[in-house]
Amino acid sequence: MIRAVVFDIGECLLDRTREYGAWADWLGVPRHTFSAVFGAVVAQGRDFRETFQIFRPGFDLAEERARRDAAGVSECCGEEDLYSDVRPALSALRENGLWVGIAGNQSRYVAASLRALRLPADLVTASGDRGISKPDPAFFRHLVDAAPAEPHEILYVGDQLRNDVHPALRAGLLAAWIRRGPWGLMPSGAPADSVPATMQIDSLAQLPELIAEFNEGGR
């Protein structure tokens, strides 16, 4: 029985195209070049942060985020960055009586921006709020503590196998893999039909019906 659904942020709720462009501008490289290299790094199963090292060896992401903050160009998000299926899906889940959370690996500025959007969610937080990032098991323990449900009654929805699906399952949660964004479409060589996710979706619009079917099945 699924009683709570928690969503990852980047490429699950937010289209990060604008933010990737902002990083390209910060590095002083053409946006299409940054995107091409970023995609190649992800497709090879490497840490996305290696993208920055290619353009600027020794690049420290935390340091550069602080510099962007000081320059008044902090990471953020707006209504225009939300995928079109976000508000309808979250609203439908809450109307169906489910507890809805949002938690991903993002800066505290992105978390604050999301809270300002007043999405239909009971919890909105990010790694930057607490200093704990996926795939650290402590990240998922925090979700279990926050949600009014047992671990096996919580569905975590994310686009990354390594950071979302697999660690959520190891923590005893259920997991839905949404196949969009760089990690969802290039899952480091793992065939889609070999991924042991509870559910696979292409849009958040599929979730309300799938969860209803799952719960009706008495699983």
Protein backbone atom coordinates (compact mmCIF):
# COMPACT_ATOMS: atom_id res chain seq x y z
CA MET A 1 0.00 0.00 0.00
CA ILE A 2 1.47 3.34 -1.06
CA ARG A 3 0.60 6.12 1.39
CA ALA A 4 3.28 8.69 0.57
CA VAL A 5 5.06 9.80 -2.59
CA VAL A 6 8.31 11.78 -2.54
CA PHE A 7 9.72 13.41 -5.65
CA ASP A 8 13.28 14.11 -6.69
CA ILE A 9 13.77 17.64 -8.03
CA GLY A 10 16.06 17.93 -11.05
CA GLU A 11 14.60 16.43 -14.24
CA CYS A 12 11.76 14.96 -12.20
CA LEU A 13 9.99 18.20 -11.35
CA LEU A 14 12.34 20.76 -12.88
CA ASP A 15 13.63 21.00 -16.42
CA ARG A 16 17.23 22.04 -15.71
CA THR A 17 17.99 23.35 -19.21
CA ARG A 18 18.07 26.96 -18.03
CA GLU A 19 20.35 26.13 -15.10
CA TYR A 20 22.79 24.17 -17.27
CA GLY A 21 22.88 27.21 -19.56
CA ALA A 22 23.67 29.43 -16.58
CA TRP A 23 26.63 27.22 -15.68
CA ALA A 24 27.89 27.36 -19.26
CA ASP A 25 27.71 31.17 -19.11
CA TRP A 26 29.53 31.17 -15.76
CA LEU A 27 32.30 29.03 -17.24
CA GLY A 28 32.44 31.19 -20.35
CA VAL A 29 31.80 28.36 -22.81
CA PRO A 30 29.10 28.04 -25.50
CA ARG A 31 25.93 26.51 -24.14
CA HIS A 32 25.70 23.85 -26.85
CA THR A 33 29.31 22.80 -26.11
CA PHE A 34 28.61 22.48 -22.40
CA SER A 35 25.46 20.44 -23.12
CA ALA A 36 27.30 18.10 -25.49
CA VAL A 37 30.09 17.41 -23.00
CA PHE A 38 27.61 17.05 -20.13
CA GLY A 39 25.66 14.46 -22.12
CA ALA A 40 28.81 12.53 -23.01
CA VAL A 41 29.90 12.39 -19.36
CA VAL A 42 26.48 11.15 -18.23
CA ALA A 43 26.27 8.58 -21.04
CA GLN A 44 29.61 7.13 -19.92
CA GLY A 45 28.29 6.66 -16.39
CA ARG A 46 30.68 9.22 -14.92
CA ASP A 47 29.89 11.78 -12.23
CA PHE A 48 28.31 14.83 -13.88
CA ARG A 49 30.74 17.07 -11.96
CA GLU A 50 33.51 15.84 -14.23
CA THR A 51 31.95 18.06 -16.91
CA PHE A 52 33.21 21.13 -15.07
CA GLN A 53 36.71 19.67 -14.74
CA ILE A 54 36.97 19.34 -18.51
CA PHE A 55 36.42 23.05 -18.97
CA ARG A 56 38.21 24.20 -15.83
CA PRO A 57 40.56 21.69 -14.14
CA GLY A 58 40.42 21.98 -10.37
CA PHE A 59 36.86 23.31 -10.45
CA ASP A 60 35.18 23.11 -7.02
CA LEU A 61 31.40 23.07 -7.36
CA ALA A 62 30.72 24.22 -3.79
CA GLU A 63 33.16 27.11 -4.14
CA GLU A 64 31.73 28.19 -7.46
CA ARG A 65 28.18 28.05 -6.11
CA ALA A 66 29.31 30.40 -3.32
CA ARG A 67 30.86 32.72 -5.91
CA ARG A 68 27.66 32.73 -7.92
CA ASP A 69 25.73 33.54 -4.75
CA ALA A 70 28.06 36.46 -4.03
CA ALA A 71 27.66 37.68 -7.61
CA GLY A 72 23.87 37.63 -7.31
CA VAL A 73 23.34 34.79 -9.77
CA SER A 74 22.44 31.98 -7.36
CA GLU A 75 20.91 28.75 -8.58
CA CYS A 76 17.15 29.11 -8.55
CA CYS A 77 13.99 28.02 -10.33
CA GLY A 78 10.70 29.52 -11.40
CA GLU A 79 7.32 28.42 -12.67
CA GLU A 80 8.77 28.32 -16.19
CA ASP A 81 11.20 25.57 -15.12
CA LEU A 82 8.50 23.18 -13.93
CA TYR A 83 7.57 20.34 -16.26
CA SER A 84 3.96 20.76 -17.35
CA ASP A 85 2.82 17.55 -15.61
CA VAL A 86 4.03 18.60 -12.14
CA ARG A 87 1.17 20.60 -10.66
CA PRO A 88 -1.62 18.35 -12.04
CA ALA A 89 0.09 15.16 -10.83
CA LEU A 90 0.89 16.44 -7.34
CA SER A 91 -2.62 17.82 -6.97
CA ALA A 92 -4.19 14.53 -8.06
CA LEU A 93 -2.09 12.54 -5.60
CA ARG A 94 -3.09 14.77 -2.69
CA GLU A 95 -6.73 14.62 -3.74
CA ASN A 96 -6.39 10.83 -3.59
CA GLY A 97 -5.32 11.11 0.05
CA LEU A 98 -1.58 10.61 -0.40
CA TRP A 99 1.09 12.52 1.51
CA VAL A 100 3.35 14.31 -1.00
CA GLY A 101 6.98 15.29 -0.44
CA ILE A 102 9.71 16.90 -2.53
CA ALA A 103 13.36 16.16 -1.72
CA GLY A 104 16.42 16.12 -3.99
CA ASN A 105 20.08 16.99 -4.32
CA GLN A 106 19.80 20.72 -4.82
CA SER A 107 21.10 23.87 -3.17
CA ARG A 108 19.17 25.65 -0.43
CA TYR A 109 18.46 28.41 -2.96
CA VAL A 110 16.65 25.99 -5.25
CA ALA A 111 14.73 24.60 -2.26
CA ALA A 112 13.71 28.12 -1.25
CA SER A 113 12.62 28.88 -4.83
CA LEU A 114 10.50 25.73 -4.89
CA ARG A 115 8.84 26.59 -1.61
CA ALA A 116 8.00 30.03 -3.02
CA LEU A 117 6.13 28.33 -5.88
CA ARG A 118 3.68 26.88 -3.34
CA LEU A 119 3.42 23.50 -4.98
CA PRO A 120 0.78 21.08 -3.62
CA ALA A 121 3.21 19.25 -1.31
CA ASP A 122 3.50 18.55 2.41
CA LEU A 123 7.30 18.74 2.46
CA VAL A 124 9.77 20.64 0.26
CA THR A 125 13.44 20.21 1.11
CA ALA A 126 16.81 19.63 -0.51
CA SER A 127 20.29 18.41 0.36
CA GLY A 128 21.42 22.02 0.74
CA ASP A 129 19.00 22.45 3.66
CA ARG A 130 20.45 19.61 5.72
CA GLY A 131 23.88 18.84 4.31
CA ILE A 132 22.89 15.28 3.38
CA SER A 133 22.91 14.18 -0.26
CA LYS A 134 21.75 11.11 -2.11
CA PRO A 135 22.72 8.31 -2.28
CA ASP A 136 23.59 8.59 1.43
CA PRO A 137 21.18 6.31 3.36
CA ALA A 138 20.70 9.15 5.87
CA PHE A 139 18.91 11.13 3.14
CA PHE A 140 16.25 8.44 2.86
CA ARG A 141 16.05 7.92 6.63
CA HIS A 142 15.10 11.59 6.90
CA LEU A 143 12.25 11.01 4.42
CA VAL A 144 11.03 8.03 6.42
CA ASP A 145 11.05 10.15 9.59
CA ALA A 146 9.15 12.96 7.85
CA ALA A 147 6.46 10.94 6.08
CA PRO A 148 3.43 9.52 7.94
CA ALA A 149 4.11 6.07 6.53
CA GLU A 150 6.35 3.05 6.89
CA PRO A 151 9.33 2.74 4.49
CA HIS A 152 7.56 0.13 2.33
CA GLU A 153 4.60 2.53 1.99
CA ILE A 154 6.71 5.36 0.54
CA LEU A 155 7.30 5.68 -3.21
CA TYR A 156 10.36 7.72 -4.20
CA VAL A 157 10.23 9.09 -7.75
CA GLY A 158 13.44 10.03 -9.55
CA ASP A 159 15.25 10.05 -12.87
CA GLN A 160 18.58 8.56 -11.78
CA LEU A 161 19.16 4.88 -11.14
CA ARG A 162 22.32 5.39 -9.08
CA ASN A 163 21.11 8.28 -6.93
CA ASP A 164 17.36 7.69 -6.78
CA VAL A 165 16.03 4.25 -7.64
CA HIS A 166 18.73 1.96 -6.26
CA PRO A 167 19.39 3.74 -2.93
CA ALA A 168 15.66 4.17 -2.31
CA LEU A 169 15.13 0.44 -2.76
CA ARG A 170 18.10 -0.35 -0.51
CA ALA A 171 16.53 1.87 2.15
CA GLY A 172 13.36 -0.22 2.02
CA LEU A 173 11.28 2.26 0.02
CA LEU A 174 9.49 1.67 -3.26
CA ALA A 175 10.88 3.47 -6.30
CA ALA A 176 9.54 4.86 -9.56
CA TRP A 177 11.99 5.65 -12.37
CA ILE A 178 10.92 8.53 -14.59
CA ARG A 179 12.64 8.30 -17.95
CA ARG A 180 13.37 11.89 -18.91
CA GLY A 181 16.37 14.16 -18.71
CA PRO A 182 19.98 13.04 -19.30
CA TRP A 183 20.00 10.27 -16.66
CA GLY A 184 16.56 8.94 -17.46
CA LEU A 185 17.31 8.57 -21.16
CA MET A 186 20.94 7.47 -20.82
CA PRO A 187 20.98 5.13 -17.80
CA SER A 188 24.66 4.18 -18.05
CA GLY A 189 24.05 1.13 -20.21
CA ALA A 190 21.30 -0.42 -18.07
CA PRO A 191 18.48 -1.71 -20.30
CA ALA A 192 15.13 -0.27 -19.25
CA ASP A 193 13.59 -3.72 -18.80
CA SER A 194 16.40 -4.82 -16.43
CA VAL A 195 15.89 -2.04 -13.87
CA PRO A 196 14.23 -3.39 -10.70
CA ALA A 197 12.13 -0.28 -10.10
CA THR A 198 8.63 -0.64 -8.67
CA MET A 199 7.36 1.42 -11.60
CA GLN A 200 8.73 2.99 -14.79
CA ILE A 201 7.07 6.09 -16.16
CA ASP A 202 7.58 8.64 -18.91
CA SER A 203 5.38 11.30 -17.31
CA LEU A 204 4.20 12.14 -13.80
CA ALA A 205 0.68 12.09 -15.23
CA GLN A 206 0.86 8.28 -15.15
CA LEU A 207 1.43 8.10 -11.39
CA PRO A 208 -2.08 8.58 -9.93
CA GLU A 209 -3.54 5.71 -11.93
CA LEU A 210 -0.52 3.42 -11.43
CA ILE A 211 -0.55 4.01 -7.68
CA ALA A 212 -4.29 3.38 -7.53
CA GLU A 213 -3.81 0.09 -9.39
CA PHE A 214 -0.91 -0.85 -7.12
CA ASN A 215 -2.99 -0.19 -4.00
CA GLU A 216 -6.05 -1.97 -5.35
CA GLY A 217 -3.88 -5.01 -5.93
CA GLY A 218 -3.27 -5.19 -2.21
CA ARG A 219 0.48 -5.17 -2.60
